[in-house]
């Protein structure tokens, strides 16, 4: 029995955990947000990816320490409860995090629609595009009801296919790319535009947290977990920086901005011709559909976990007669609402704003646990400041650019998260103080 337990405990090594991290970060955000980020950063788009990755690295440090001390599949939900206790603050943030994952699904579903429309020669953004987005969400719900084991098994193949296409895109693209003149940038806000783009692109890195879920299956998580986290982040950063350099060097800033939502397909056509466009589109469709599926599965699990500790109604975790949980169907309805109401640019900005705030608060909670995790406080403080700084810049940009629907929606979701949590706790006579034990 002990030998079998040890074998199971050491079933995931650094390479396997790194693959999980690359898979968690890689894909959907890269395909959907390049054009919008190029509008802010101009020719300095690769620098925005670098800055976003550096900011993420501070949170990676925090997550590695938390994951070693509290190995649990609950991820950030567990870390918030540990950091702030079972009170209104952790509960409200977990509800907001749940909504943040829904926004991310809306982003990925909208990205799927953009590339499908590009492949079929349809105009994206209208009701046809929104119908395609809703369609992929419906398909994912059906998959989750029937069981997603086959999809999970195919994840390694999906990531391998993506990496092969992207590496070919980068290698051949760099050989054809030309260095653009910095004066040709469409960004009028200079360093502010670059930093705002870094905040927007933060969502492309948010998947690193899935590596911590594998800590319980590592032979020596205290050594293996940090290595896997930093290796996966480093690999993804390099791919993002090189891919964005190819885009700017082939179709330029104007081409990236003009083709928001399907930039890589246009760049792929410029490098490989029609075949290149089709290959990139297929890779994008697989990546975005896979991202919707994995996020739906993860968000349903998050709902079940926070329902178990009475942060939301327990019914969210109960199974329905036709399969799936009530939380799955509630998630489906809200995701479809976001797809219908918000355009690609809005859901992209909202997703990054949500994760920047959640990760800042995870790091803030970690400060209270630094003695247990043996984390360096100055690194945690830097992580908090950097996350909140990018949040403030991106939030300010949405106000300056007149994107009222976007910034008011973020405030509304944050407020409603805490109001709903307060009402639920009051109804069940639970702890109403901000911090729990």
Foldseek 3Di string as FASTA:
>chain_A
DVVVVLCQLAVDFLVRLLLQLLLLQDAQLLQFCLLVLLLLQFLCQLVLLVLLLVLVVLLLLLLLLVLLLDQAQLFLLVLLCLLFNPALQSLLLLLLVLVLLLLVLLLLLLLLLLLVCVVVVHDHDDPVSLVSSLVLLVVLLVCVFVDVPVVVVCSSVLSVLLVVLLVVLLVLLVVQFDDDDPVPRNHPPPPLSSLLSSLLSNSSNLSLRSSSNSLSSRSDSNPSSSSSSVSSSVVNSVSSSSSSNSLCRQCRSVQSNVSRSRSQLVSLCSRPNPVRSVSSSVSNNSRSSSSSNVSLVSSLVSQCVSCVVQSDPNQSNDADPSGDGPVSVVSSVVSSVCNVPDHSVLSSLLSSLSSLVSSLSSLVSVLSVCVVSVDDNVSSVSSNVSSVVSSVSNLVVCVVVVVVVRNVVSVVSSVVSSVNSQVSCVVVVHHHDNGHD
